[in-house]
Amino acid sequence: MWSEVPSIWVLAAVTIGGNLMGIAGMLIFIPLVSVCYTVFREVVYLRLKEKHIKRVTTTAVEEYTAQEWMAAEKKLQEGAAK
């Protein structure tokens, strides 16, 4: 899944990379920050899904299927029964 990195993250990557290692640092830090941002975002979305909070972005809204919803309800009921 491809996503766009917000401009502020690219600016931070260019600034930090440029200060540390010059032009080579800029070229290294942009993909590095992009990967870190994507991993962080996916972790946050997984936690939201575990709490049954829909993921809302500027492009799409994640809808839970009836099967996912029933499985989550069953898991909660099993946890409450123990």
C-alpha atoms as a PDB file:
ATOM      1  CA  MET A   1       0.000   0.000   0.000  1.00  0.00           C
ATOM      2  CA  TRP A   2       1.555   3.264  -1.120  1.00  0.00           C
ATOM      3  CA  SER A   3       0.997   6.422   0.832  1.00  0.00           C
ATOM      4  CA  GLU A   4       2.116   9.980   0.530  1.00  0.00           C
ATOM      5  CA  VAL A   5       4.390  11.323   3.225  1.00  0.00           C
ATOM      6  CA  PRO A   6       3.298  14.725   4.548  1.00  0.00           C
ATOM      7  CA  SER A   7       5.450  17.622   3.413  1.00  0.00           C
ATOM      8  CA  ILE A   8       6.591  18.460   6.937  1.00  0.00           C
ATOM      9  CA  TRP A   9       8.191  14.994   7.222  1.00  0.00           C
ATOM     10  CA  VAL A  10      10.070  15.499   3.942  1.00  0.00           C
ATOM     11  CA  LEU A  11      11.219  18.931   5.079  1.00  0.00           C
ATOM     12  CA  ALA A  12      12.443  17.473   8.385  1.00  0.00           C
ATOM     13  CA  ALA A  13      14.264  14.665   6.547  1.00  0.00           C
ATOM     14  CA  VAL A  14      15.996  17.112   4.196  1.00  0.00           C
ATOM     15  CA  THR A  15      16.957  19.442   7.044  1.00  0.00           C
ATOM     16  CA  ILE A  16      18.287  16.747   9.379  1.00  0.00           C
ATOM     17  CA  GLY A  17      19.959  14.737   6.624  1.00  0.00           C
ATOM     18  CA  GLY A  18      21.514  17.863   5.134  1.00  0.00           C
ATOM     19  CA  ASN A  19      22.868  19.021   8.474  1.00  0.00           C
ATOM     20  CA  LEU A  20      24.348  15.635   9.303  1.00  0.00           C
ATOM     21  CA  MET A  21      25.726  14.451   5.961  1.00  0.00           C
ATOM     22  CA  GLY A  22      25.116  17.072   3.294  1.00  0.00           C
ATOM     23  CA  ILE A  23      23.467  16.143  -0.019  1.00  0.00           C
ATOM     24  CA  ALA A  24      24.058  12.408   0.542  1.00  0.00           C
ATOM     25  CA  GLY A  25      22.268  12.709   3.883  1.00  0.00           C
ATOM     26  CA  MET A  26      19.265  14.296   2.211  1.00  0.00           C
ATOM     27  CA  LEU A  27      19.084  11.456  -0.284  1.00  0.00           C
ATOM     28  CA  ILE A  28      19.369   8.846   2.477  1.00  0.00           C
ATOM     29  CA  PHE A  29      17.039  10.439   5.032  1.00  0.00           C
ATOM     30  CA  ILE A  30      14.022  10.976   2.747  1.00  0.00           C
ATOM     31  CA  PRO A  31      13.384   7.232   2.138  1.00  0.00           C
ATOM     32  CA  LEU A  32      14.343   6.434   5.740  1.00  0.00           C
ATOM     33  CA  VAL A  33      11.810   8.893   7.149  1.00  0.00           C
ATOM     34  CA  SER A  34       9.206   7.655   4.659  1.00  0.00           C
ATOM     35  CA  VAL A  35       9.584   4.074   5.883  1.00  0.00           C
ATOM     36  CA  CYS A  36       9.484   5.143   9.538  1.00  0.00           C
ATOM     37  CA  TYR A  37       6.353   7.229   8.928  1.00  0.00           C
ATOM     38  CA  THR A  38       4.594   4.359   7.124  1.00  0.00           C
ATOM     39  CA  VAL A  39       5.414   1.826   9.848  1.00  0.00           C
ATOM     40  CA  PHE A  40       4.296   4.227  12.583  1.00  0.00           C
ATOM     41  CA  ARG A  41       1.043   4.970  10.765  1.00  0.00           C
ATOM     42  CA  GLU A  42       0.248   1.268  10.305  1.00  0.00           C
ATOM     43  CA  VAL A  43       0.866   0.574  14.008  1.00  0.00           C
ATOM     44  CA  VAL A  44      -1.501   3.387  14.947  1.00  0.00           C
ATOM     45  CA  TYR A  45      -4.179   2.121  12.524  1.00  0.00           C
ATOM     46  CA  LEU A  46      -3.898  -1.418  13.918  1.00  0.00           C
ATOM     47  CA  ARG A  47      -4.414  -0.131  17.451  1.00  0.00           C
ATOM     48  CA  LEU A  48      -7.429   1.891  16.332  1.00  0.00           C
ATOM     49  CA  LYS A  49      -8.888  -1.189  14.664  1.00  0.00           C
ATOM     50  CA  GLU A  50      -8.373  -3.258  17.837  1.00  0.00           C
ATOM     51  CA  LYS A  51     -10.419  -0.661  19.712  1.00  0.00           C
ATOM     52  CA  HIS A  52     -13.114  -0.699  16.992  1.00  0.00           C
ATOM     53  CA  ILE A  53     -12.406   2.859  15.932  1.00  0.00           C
ATOM     54  CA  LYS A  54     -12.726   3.406  12.217  1.00  0.00           C
ATOM     55  CA  ARG A  55      -9.702   4.757  10.399  1.00  0.00           C
ATOM     56  CA  VAL A  56     -10.548   8.049   8.755  1.00  0.00           C
ATOM     57  CA  THR A  57      -8.152   9.580   6.273  1.00  0.00           C
ATOM     58  CA  THR A  58      -8.494  12.188   3.577  1.00  0.00           C
ATOM     59  CA  THR A  59      -8.928   9.471   0.948  1.00  0.00           C
ATOM     60  CA  ALA A  60     -10.986   6.688   2.520  1.00  0.00           C
ATOM     61  CA  VAL A  61     -12.903   5.426   5.507  1.00  0.00           C
ATOM     62  CA  GLU A  62     -12.213   1.873   6.619  1.00  0.00           C
ATOM     63  CA  GLU A  63     -15.400  -0.092   7.048  1.00  0.00           C
ATOM     64  CA  TYR A  64     -15.463  -3.231   9.144  1.00  0.00           C
ATOM     65  CA  THR A  65     -17.124  -6.249   7.630  1.00  0.00           C
ATOM     66  CA  ALA A  66     -19.897  -8.005   9.506  1.00  0.00           C
ATOM     67  CA  GLN A  67     -17.587 -10.990  10.029  1.00  0.00           C
ATOM     68  CA  GLU A  68     -14.874  -8.831  11.599  1.00  0.00           C
ATOM     69  CA  TRP A  69     -17.432  -7.173  13.846  1.00  0.00           C
ATOM     70  CA  MET A  70     -18.916 -10.496  14.986  1.00  0.00           C
ATOM     71  CA  ALA A  71     -15.447 -11.940  15.676  1.00  0.00           C
ATOM     72  CA  ALA A  72     -14.555  -8.904  17.793  1.00  0.00           C
ATOM     73  CA  GLU A  73     -17.827  -9.114  19.727  1.00  0.00           C
ATOM     74  CA  LYS A  74     -17.251 -12.828  20.379  1.00  0.00           C
ATOM     75  CA  LYS A  75     -13.705 -12.122  21.610  1.00  0.00           C
ATOM     76  CA  LEU A  76     -15.003  -9.457  23.997  1.00  0.00           C
ATOM     77  CA  GLN A  77     -17.692 -11.775  25.335  1.00  0.00           C
ATOM     78  CA  GLU A  78     -15.173 -14.578  25.887  1.00  0.00           C
ATOM     79  CA  GLY A  79     -12.906 -12.171  27.756  1.00  0.00           C
ATOM     80  CA  ALA A  80     -15.774 -10.986  29.958  1.00  0.00           C
ATOM     81  CA  ALA A  81     -16.824 -14.557  30.765  1.00  0.00           C
ATOM     82  CA  LYS A  82     -13.413 -15.408  32.247  1.00  0.00           C
END
